[in-house]
Structure formats: C-alpha cells, structure tokens
C-alpha cells in the first residue's frame, strides 16, 4: 500500500478579466531636468534689490528747479522781445505823424506860395484827424499813443528837419525846401504804413491804414510835384 497522500487542494485560478491594452506609440516617461550648477548658485545667492531707473536726490531736484526757472525766464524774454518788435513800427508811425503835424503847423506862416499854403493847410487838417483817429486801432493792437516808447519818439524827432527849414527861410528858399522835405517825410510815412499793413493781423488797423494811405497819397504827390512846376 502506498502511504496516504495529502489531498491536493485545487489551485484557484484568478478571475479572468480583459488584459490591459498597451498604448501605442509608447509614451516615454519625462526625464527629470538636471539642475545646473549655475541655477543652484542663483537660488542660494542673496537677491540684490533692483535700482530704480531714475533716482533723484535733493541736489538733483534743486538743479532741475533752477534750470526750469532759467528756461521759463528765457522764454518770457524772447516772447516779450518778439511782441515789442511787432509793436515798434506802429509806435514809430504814431510818433512820426505827431512830429509831422508840428512841422506843418510851424511852417504855415513862412510859406509864400498861395498854392503851397493851401496844400499845407489840407495836410495839417489830415494830420490832425489822423492823429486823432489812429488812437483806437492802435490801442486794439496793444499800443497806447499816450505811452509811446521814449527812444522811438527820440528817433522820430524832426529837430534836424526844423534846422534845415530855418536855414532855408534865412536864405529865402523856404517854399522849395519845404515842399521837397515834406514830400520825402510823407513818402517815408506811406512806406511805413504799407509795411505795417502787410505785417499786422489786426483788421481794424489794416482798415485804418488803407484809408490813411489813400488819403495821403495825393497830398504827397502834390508836394513832390511842386518843385517841378517852379
């Protein structure tokens, strides 16, 4: 007889399920990024705070403030000079008209020619009215005829002209000399009127200047032609 053999326990078979499906294409596993020595040193080194792009101290602020004051002052002087330069011709015209009226008034008693006396009488009336009417358009242009620049008044002085006329009176050639001098004086006045007309932006001043120019032109031509008729 054979010895009793132990009963063999049947092996349990694991439950059968669907086998895992392999992925295709196979996905490689991401390798770990190696840490470079430089990155490591950057991590452990102390972080230096970034400097501001512009850093102004008290000294720099003071310097900038002074520079701004100088700049503003310079601009103010430039604007003032430009404005003053634009007003100079207008002041010259007013001063010249006033001085010419004085000459015409003083000359009337010394004129011998009746034609020249009549012509000069018309000129005096023109200058009186023009010096009165010019005040308003000049004021709109920023010029007060009662506050003209003293230097401009001095430049427009007719003192030298008065001296020449006195010499002409003493030499008995007053009429001819006066007609020549007045033709020149009125001619330069008309030229100045034209220059101001072309440079000003004031409509009222342009209107005044055109009227004054047109009214003065025949008188100036009459003085210029006086000597030619003698």
C-alpha atoms as a PDB file:
ATOM      1  CA  UNK A   1       0.000   0.000   0.000  1.00  0.00           C
ATOM      2  CA  UNK A   2       1.033   3.434  -0.638  1.00  0.00           C
ATOM      3  CA  UNK A   3       1.036   5.814   2.220  1.00  0.00           C
ATOM      4  CA  UNK A   4      -1.860   8.107   2.399  1.00  0.00           C
ATOM      5  CA  UNK A   5      -1.140  11.090   0.177  1.00  0.00           C
ATOM      6  CA  UNK A   6      -2.391  14.501   1.242  1.00  0.00           C
ATOM      7  CA  UNK A   7      -5.256  15.669  -0.684  1.00  0.00           C
ATOM      8  CA  UNK A   8      -4.219  18.203  -3.209  1.00  0.00           C
ATOM      9  CA  UNK A   9      -6.138  21.400  -2.959  1.00  0.00           C
ATOM     10  CA  UNK A  10      -7.072  22.561  -6.330  1.00  0.00           C
ATOM     11  CA  UNK A  11      -5.333  25.918  -7.203  1.00  0.00           C
ATOM     12  CA  UNK A  12      -7.694  28.788  -7.543  1.00  0.00           C
ATOM     13  CA  UNK A  13      -7.470  30.481 -10.881  1.00  0.00           C
ATOM     14  CA  UNK A  14      -7.511  34.273 -10.706  1.00  0.00           C
ATOM     15  CA  UNK A  15     -10.521  35.758 -12.282  1.00  0.00           C
ATOM     16  CA  UNK A  16     -10.055  36.313 -15.887  1.00  0.00           C
ATOM     17  CA  UNK A  17     -10.541  39.899 -16.986  1.00  0.00           C
ATOM     18  CA  UNK A  18      -9.651  41.890 -20.017  1.00  0.00           C
ATOM     19  CA  UNK A  19      -5.945  42.187 -20.378  1.00  0.00           C
ATOM     20  CA  UNK A  20      -4.545  45.754 -20.269  1.00  0.00           C
ATOM     21  CA  UNK A  21      -4.116  47.164 -23.721  1.00  0.00           C
ATOM     22  CA  UNK A  22      -0.664  48.530 -24.475  1.00  0.00           C
ATOM     23  CA  UNK A  23      -0.514  52.247 -25.574  1.00  0.00           C
ATOM     24  CA  UNK A  24       0.795  52.985 -28.996  1.00  0.00           C
ATOM     25  CA  UNK A  25       3.019  54.574 -29.596  1.00  0.00           C
ATOM     26  CA  UNK A  26       4.525  54.078 -26.192  1.00  0.00           C
ATOM     27  CA  UNK A  27       4.720  57.326 -24.161  1.00  0.00           C
ATOM     28  CA  UNK A  28       8.229  57.934 -22.876  1.00  0.00           C
ATOM     29  CA  UNK A  29       8.455  58.974 -19.325  1.00  0.00           C
ATOM     30  CA  UNK A  30       9.653  62.594 -18.834  1.00  0.00           C
ATOM     31  CA  UNK A  31      13.216  62.563 -17.580  1.00  0.00           C
ATOM     32  CA  UNK A  32      13.949  64.689 -14.574  1.00  0.00           C
ATOM     33  CA  UNK A  33      15.581  68.030 -15.522  1.00  0.00           C
ATOM     34  CA  UNK A  34      19.107  68.090 -14.297  1.00  0.00           C
ATOM     35  CA  UNK A  35      19.864  71.112 -12.113  1.00  0.00           C
ATOM     36  CA  UNK A  36      22.802  73.051 -13.463  1.00  0.00           C
ATOM     37  CA  UNK A  37      25.360  74.400 -11.030  1.00  0.00           C
ATOM     38  CA  UNK A  38      24.628  77.958 -12.098  1.00  0.00           C
ATOM     39  CA  UNK A  39      20.926  77.625 -11.311  1.00  0.00           C
ATOM     40  CA  UNK A  40      21.715  76.235  -7.930  1.00  0.00           C
ATOM     41  CA  UNK A  41      24.086  79.085  -7.128  1.00  0.00           C
ATOM     42  CA  UNK A  42      21.461  81.600  -8.218  1.00  0.00           C
ATOM     43  CA  UNK A  43      18.963  80.055  -5.837  1.00  0.00           C
ATOM     44  CA  UNK A  44      21.205  80.138  -2.808  1.00  0.00           C
ATOM     45  CA  UNK A  45      22.827  83.547  -3.502  1.00  0.00           C
ATOM     46  CA  UNK A  46      21.216  86.620  -1.867  1.00  0.00           C
ATOM     47  CA  UNK A  47      18.971  88.599  -4.195  1.00  0.00           C
ATOM     48  CA  UNK A  48      20.225  92.158  -4.875  1.00  0.00           C
ATOM     49  CA  UNK A  49      17.354  94.638  -4.994  1.00  0.00           C
ATOM     50  CA  UNK A  50      16.949  96.312  -8.374  1.00  0.00           C
ATOM     51  CA  UNK A  51      17.777 100.023  -8.538  1.00  0.00           C
ATOM     52  CA  UNK A  52      15.155 102.444  -9.739  1.00  0.00           C
ATOM     53  CA  UNK A  53      15.699 103.721 -13.267  1.00  0.00           C
ATOM     54  CA  UNK A  54      15.658 107.343 -12.112  1.00  0.00           C
ATOM     55  CA  UNK A  55      16.754 108.293  -8.666  1.00  0.00           C
ATOM     56  CA  UNK A  56      16.624 111.968  -7.728  1.00  0.00           C
ATOM     57  CA  UNK A  57      18.246 113.265  -4.626  1.00  0.00           C
ATOM     58  CA  UNK A  58      17.765 116.702  -3.103  1.00  0.00           C
ATOM     59  CA  UNK A  59      20.731 118.101  -5.018  1.00  0.00           C
ATOM     60  CA  UNK A  60      19.412 116.922  -8.353  1.00  0.00           C
ATOM     61  CA  UNK A  61      15.954 118.324  -7.630  1.00  0.00           C
ATOM     62  CA  UNK A  62      17.445 121.739  -6.804  1.00  0.00           C
ATOM     63  CA  UNK A  63      19.495 121.744 -10.016  1.00  0.00           C
ATOM     64  CA  UNK A  64      16.454 120.798 -12.109  1.00  0.00           C
ATOM     65  CA  UNK A  65      14.391 123.507 -10.405  1.00  0.00           C
ATOM     66  CA  UNK A  66      16.999 126.172 -11.162  1.00  0.00           C
ATOM     67  CA  UNK A  67      17.235 125.018 -14.773  1.00  0.00           C
ATOM     68  CA  UNK A  68      13.451 125.270 -15.173  1.00  0.00           C
ATOM     69  CA  UNK A  69      13.410 128.791 -13.727  1.00  0.00           C
ATOM     70  CA  UNK A  70      16.157 129.880 -16.134  1.00  0.00           C
ATOM     71  CA  UNK A  71      14.320 128.292 -19.078  1.00  0.00           C
ATOM     72  CA  UNK A  72      10.999 129.955 -18.235  1.00  0.00           C
ATOM     73  CA  UNK A  73      12.727 133.331 -17.787  1.00  0.00           C
ATOM     74  CA  UNK A  74      14.478 132.990 -21.141  1.00  0.00           C
ATOM     75  CA  UNK A  75      11.217 132.112 -22.896  1.00  0.00           C
ATOM     76  CA  UNK A  76       9.490 135.099 -21.279  1.00  0.00           C
ATOM     77  CA  UNK A  77      12.239 137.428 -22.525  1.00  0.00           C
ATOM     78  CA  UNK A  78      12.001 136.004 -26.033  1.00  0.00           C
ATOM     79  CA  UNK A  79       8.214 136.409 -26.140  1.00  0.00           C
ATOM     80  CA  UNK A  80       8.498 139.948 -24.778  1.00  0.00           C
ATOM     81  CA  UNK A  81      11.145 140.862 -27.349  1.00  0.00           C
ATOM     82  CA  UNK A  82       9.068 139.462 -30.205  1.00  0.00           C
ATOM     83  CA  UNK A  83       5.951 141.286 -29.019  1.00  0.00           C
ATOM     84  CA  UNK A  84       7.903 144.502 -28.581  1.00  0.00           C
ATOM     85  CA  UNK A  85       9.435 144.161 -32.043  1.00  0.00           C
ATOM     86  CA  UNK A  86       5.966 143.840 -33.568  1.00  0.00           C
ATOM     87  CA  UNK A  87       4.773 146.998 -31.811  1.00  0.00           C
ATOM     88  CA  UNK A  88       7.769 149.173 -32.702  1.00  0.00           C
ATOM     89  CA  UNK A  89       6.654 150.055 -36.273  1.00  0.00           C
ATOM     90  CA  UNK A  90       3.195 151.035 -35.010  1.00  0.00           C
ATOM     91  CA  UNK A  91       4.713 153.302 -32.364  1.00  0.00           C
ATOM     92  CA  UNK A  92       7.031 154.804 -34.974  1.00  0.00           C
ATOM     93  CA  UNK A  93       4.068 155.645 -37.191  1.00  0.00           C
ATOM     94  CA  UNK A  94       2.230 157.404 -34.378  1.00  0.00           C
ATOM     95  CA  UNK A  95       5.345 159.347 -33.350  1.00  0.00           C
ATOM     96  CA  UNK A  96       6.091 160.317 -36.971  1.00  0.00           C
ATOM     97  CA  UNK A  97       2.573 161.559 -37.640  1.00  0.00           C
ATOM     98  CA  UNK A  98       2.645 163.674 -34.483  1.00  0.00           C
ATOM     99  CA  UNK A  99       6.055 165.172 -35.305  1.00  0.00           C
ATOM    100  CA  UNK A 100       4.978 165.885 -38.898  1.00  0.00           C
ATOM    101  CA  UNK A 101       1.918 167.758 -37.683  1.00  0.00           C
ATOM    102  CA  UNK A 102       4.159 170.038 -35.600  1.00  0.00           C
ATOM    103  CA  UNK A 103       6.340 170.783 -38.635  1.00  0.00           C
ATOM    104  CA  UNK A 104       3.346 171.528 -40.857  1.00  0.00           C
ATOM    105  CA  UNK A 105       1.823 173.844 -38.259  1.00  0.00           C
ATOM    106  CA  UNK A 106       5.056 175.799 -37.743  1.00  0.00           C
ATOM    107  CA  UNK A 107       5.674 176.108 -41.489  1.00  0.00           C
ATOM    108  CA  UNK A 108       2.334 177.635 -42.419  1.00  0.00           C
ATOM    109  CA  UNK A 109       3.296 181.217 -41.544  1.00  0.00           C
ATOM    110  CA  UNK A 110       6.525 181.048 -43.555  1.00  0.00           C
ATOM    111  CA  UNK A 111       5.043 179.864 -46.837  1.00  0.00           C
ATOM    112  CA  UNK A 112       4.875 182.435 -49.646  1.00  0.00           C
ATOM    113  CA  UNK A 113       3.090 180.464 -52.335  1.00  0.00           C
ATOM    114  CA  UNK A 114      -0.682 180.535 -52.021  1.00  0.00           C
ATOM    115  CA  UNK A 115      -0.855 177.095 -53.659  1.00  0.00           C
ATOM    116  CA  UNK A 116       1.619 175.696 -51.148  1.00  0.00           C
ATOM    117  CA  UNK A 117      -0.209 177.339 -48.240  1.00  0.00           C
ATOM    118  CA  UNK A 118      -3.457 175.721 -49.365  1.00  0.00           C
ATOM    119  CA  UNK A 119      -1.760 172.363 -49.787  1.00  0.00           C
ATOM    120  CA  UNK A 120      -0.133 172.631 -46.375  1.00  0.00           C
ATOM    121  CA  UNK A 121      -3.435 173.652 -44.785  1.00  0.00           C
ATOM    122  CA  UNK A 122      -5.024 170.474 -46.116  1.00  0.00           C
ATOM    123  CA  UNK A 123      -2.078 168.479 -44.782  1.00  0.00           C
ATOM    124  CA  UNK A 124      -2.488 169.949 -41.303  1.00  0.00           C
ATOM    125  CA  UNK A 125      -6.168 169.002 -41.291  1.00  0.00           C
ATOM    126  CA  UNK A 126      -5.318 165.484 -42.453  1.00  0.00           C
ATOM    127  CA  UNK A 127      -2.662 165.055 -39.741  1.00  0.00           C
ATOM    128  CA  UNK A 128      -4.964 166.389 -37.010  1.00  0.00           C
ATOM    129  CA  UNK A 129      -7.717 163.939 -37.944  1.00  0.00           C
ATOM    130  CA  UNK A 130      -5.314 161.024 -38.487  1.00  0.00           C
ATOM    131  CA  UNK A 131      -3.563 161.508 -35.143  1.00  0.00           C
ATOM    132  CA  UNK A 132      -6.991 161.500 -33.501  1.00  0.00           C
ATOM    133  CA  UNK A 133      -8.407 158.504 -35.377  1.00  0.00           C
ATOM    134  CA  UNK A 134      -5.318 156.336 -35.050  1.00  0.00           C
ATOM    135  CA  UNK A 135      -5.677 156.029 -31.274  1.00  0.00           C
ATOM    136  CA  UNK A 136      -8.421 153.365 -31.296  1.00  0.00           C
ATOM    137  CA  UNK A 137      -6.942 150.887 -33.834  1.00  0.00           C
ATOM    138  CA  UNK A 138      -3.515 151.236 -32.219  1.00  0.00           C
ATOM    139  CA  UNK A 139      -4.992 150.530 -28.804  1.00  0.00           C
ATOM    140  CA  UNK A 140      -6.552 147.335 -30.177  1.00  0.00           C
ATOM    141  CA  UNK A 141      -3.094 146.415 -31.456  1.00  0.00           C
ATOM    142  CA  UNK A 142      -1.684 146.912 -27.952  1.00  0.00           C
ATOM    143  CA  UNK A 143      -0.239 150.420 -28.330  1.00  0.00           C
ATOM    144  CA  UNK A 144      -1.308 153.430 -26.274  1.00  0.00           C
ATOM    145  CA  UNK A 145      -0.351 156.608 -28.146  1.00  0.00           C
ATOM    146  CA  UNK A 146      -0.058 158.414 -24.799  1.00  0.00           C
ATOM    147  CA  UNK A 147       2.611 155.946 -23.635  1.00  0.00           C
ATOM    148  CA  UNK A 148       4.918 155.631 -26.618  1.00  0.00           C
ATOM    149  CA  UNK A 149       8.474 154.406 -26.138  1.00  0.00           C
ATOM    150  CA  UNK A 150      10.713 157.432 -25.431  1.00  0.00           C
ATOM    151  CA  UNK A 151      13.502 156.026 -27.578  1.00  0.00           C
ATOM    152  CA  UNK A 152      11.141 155.766 -30.551  1.00  0.00           C
ATOM    153  CA  UNK A 153       9.920 159.312 -30.014  1.00  0.00           C
ATOM    154  CA  UNK A 154      13.537 160.490 -29.985  1.00  0.00           C
ATOM    155  CA  UNK A 155      14.291 158.630 -33.240  1.00  0.00           C
ATOM    156  CA  UNK A 156      11.291 160.227 -34.932  1.00  0.00           C
ATOM    157  CA  UNK A 157      12.277 163.712 -33.790  1.00  0.00           C
ATOM    158  CA  UNK A 158      12.176 166.362 -36.533  1.00  0.00           C
ATOM    159  CA  UNK A 159      14.730 168.607 -34.863  1.00  0.00           C
ATOM    160  CA  UNK A 160      17.184 168.208 -37.742  1.00  0.00           C
ATOM    161  CA  UNK A 161      14.418 168.915 -40.251  1.00  0.00           C
ATOM    162  CA  UNK A 162      13.452 172.062 -38.363  1.00  0.00           C
ATOM    163  CA  UNK A 163      17.062 173.216 -38.579  1.00  0.00           C
ATOM    164  CA  UNK A 164      17.157 172.744 -42.354  1.00  0.00           C
ATOM    165  CA  UNK A 165      13.904 174.613 -42.772  1.00  0.00           C
ATOM    166  CA  UNK A 166      15.175 177.503 -40.673  1.00  0.00           C
ATOM    167  CA  UNK A 167      18.270 177.744 -42.870  1.00  0.00           C
ATOM    168  CA  UNK A 168      16.025 177.744 -45.935  1.00  0.00           C
ATOM    169  CA  UNK A 169      13.939 180.572 -44.505  1.00  0.00           C
ATOM    170  CA  UNK A 170      17.043 182.662 -43.851  1.00  0.00           C
ATOM    171  CA  UNK A 171      18.197 182.022 -47.439  1.00  0.00           C
ATOM    172  CA  UNK A 172      14.780 182.868 -48.922  1.00  0.00           C
ATOM    173  CA  UNK A 173      14.247 179.378 -50.359  1.00  0.00           C
ATOM    174  CA  UNK A 174      11.750 178.177 -47.788  1.00  0.00           C
ATOM    175  CA  UNK A 175       8.898 177.168 -50.115  1.00  0.00           C
ATOM    176  CA  UNK A 176      11.022 174.999 -52.404  1.00  0.00           C
ATOM    177  CA  UNK A 177      12.890 173.431 -49.496  1.00  0.00           C
ATOM    178  CA  UNK A 178       9.721 172.783 -47.511  1.00  0.00           C
ATOM    179  CA  UNK A 179       7.973 171.120 -50.464  1.00  0.00           C
ATOM    180  CA  UNK A 180      10.966 168.831 -51.033  1.00  0.00           C
ATOM    181  CA  UNK A 181      11.378 167.942 -47.358  1.00  0.00           C
ATOM    182  CA  UNK A 182       7.668 167.341 -46.845  1.00  0.00           C
ATOM    183  CA  UNK A 183       7.409 165.150 -49.959  1.00  0.00           C
ATOM    184  CA  UNK A 184      10.169 162.964 -48.503  1.00  0.00           C
ATOM    185  CA  UNK A 185       8.651 162.946 -44.999  1.00  0.00           C
ATOM    186  CA  UNK A 186       5.232 161.911 -46.267  1.00  0.00           C
ATOM    187  CA  UNK A 187       6.760 159.329 -48.610  1.00  0.00           C
ATOM    188  CA  UNK A 188       8.552 157.549 -45.751  1.00  0.00           C
ATOM    189  CA  UNK A 189       5.335 157.707 -43.722  1.00  0.00           C
ATOM    190  CA  UNK A 190       3.388 155.998 -46.501  1.00  0.00           C
ATOM    191  CA  UNK A 191       6.081 153.315 -46.788  1.00  0.00           C
ATOM    192  CA  UNK A 192       5.801 152.649 -43.061  1.00  0.00           C
ATOM    193  CA  UNK A 193       2.018 152.409 -43.354  1.00  0.00           C
ATOM    194  CA  UNK A 194       2.407 149.801 -46.090  1.00  0.00           C
ATOM    195  CA  UNK A 195       4.882 147.745 -44.035  1.00  0.00           C
ATOM    196  CA  UNK A 196       2.587 147.705 -41.001  1.00  0.00           C
ATOM    197  CA  UNK A 197      -0.420 146.824 -43.150  1.00  0.00           C
ATOM    198  CA  UNK A 198       1.368 143.746 -44.523  1.00  0.00           C
ATOM    199  CA  UNK A 199       2.594 142.556 -41.125  1.00  0.00           C
ATOM    200  CA  UNK A 200      -0.324 143.176 -38.778  1.00  0.00           C
ATOM    201  CA  UNK A 201      -3.152 140.735 -38.030  1.00  0.00           C
ATOM    202  CA  UNK A 202      -5.450 143.492 -36.773  1.00  0.00           C
ATOM    203  CA  UNK A 203      -8.333 144.021 -39.177  1.00  0.00           C
ATOM    204  CA  UNK A 204      -9.237 147.393 -37.685  1.00  0.00           C
ATOM    205  CA  UNK A 205      -5.646 148.624 -38.050  1.00  0.00           C
ATOM    206  CA  UNK A 206      -5.475 147.427 -41.647  1.00  0.00           C
ATOM    207  CA  UNK A 207      -8.709 149.255 -42.448  1.00  0.00           C
ATOM    208  CA  UNK A 208      -7.378 152.443 -40.886  1.00  0.00           C
ATOM    209  CA  UNK A 209      -4.020 152.198 -42.661  1.00  0.00           C
ATOM    210  CA  UNK A 210      -5.558 151.678 -46.094  1.00  0.00           C
ATOM    211  CA  UNK A 211      -7.803 154.702 -45.679  1.00  0.00           C
ATOM    212  CA  UNK A 212      -4.964 156.856 -44.295  1.00  0.00           C
ATOM    213  CA  UNK A 213      -2.614 155.800 -47.101  1.00  0.00           C
ATOM    214  CA  UNK A 214      -5.121 156.505 -49.866  1.00  0.00           C
ATOM    215  CA  UNK A 215      -5.947 159.931 -48.402  1.00  0.00           C
ATOM    216  CA  UNK A 216      -2.300 160.933 -48.001  1.00  0.00           C
ATOM    217  CA  UNK A 217      -1.085 159.832 -51.432  1.00  0.00           C
ATOM    218  CA  UNK A 218      -2.473 162.800 -53.471  1.00  0.00           C
ATOM    219  CA  UNK A 219      -1.032 165.288 -50.965  1.00  0.00           C
ATOM    220  CA  UNK A 220       2.397 163.669 -51.070  1.00  0.00           C
ATOM    221  CA  UNK A 221       2.387 163.736 -54.856  1.00  0.00           C
ATOM    222  CA  UNK A 222       1.400 167.412 -54.860  1.00  0.00           C
ATOM    223  CA  UNK A 223       4.363 168.303 -52.645  1.00  0.00           C
ATOM    224  CA  UNK A 224       6.675 166.226 -54.846  1.00  0.00           C
ATOM    225  CA  UNK A 225       5.424 167.997 -57.982  1.00  0.00           C
ATOM    226  CA  UNK A 226       5.648 171.498 -56.526  1.00  0.00           C
ATOM    227  CA  UNK A 227       9.331 171.971 -57.332  1.00  0.00           C
ATOM    228  CA  UNK A 228       8.839 170.647 -60.849  1.00  0.00           C
ATOM    229  CA  UNK A 229       6.290 173.384 -61.536  1.00  0.00           C
ATOM    230  CA  UNK A 230       8.569 176.189 -60.385  1.00  0.00           C
END
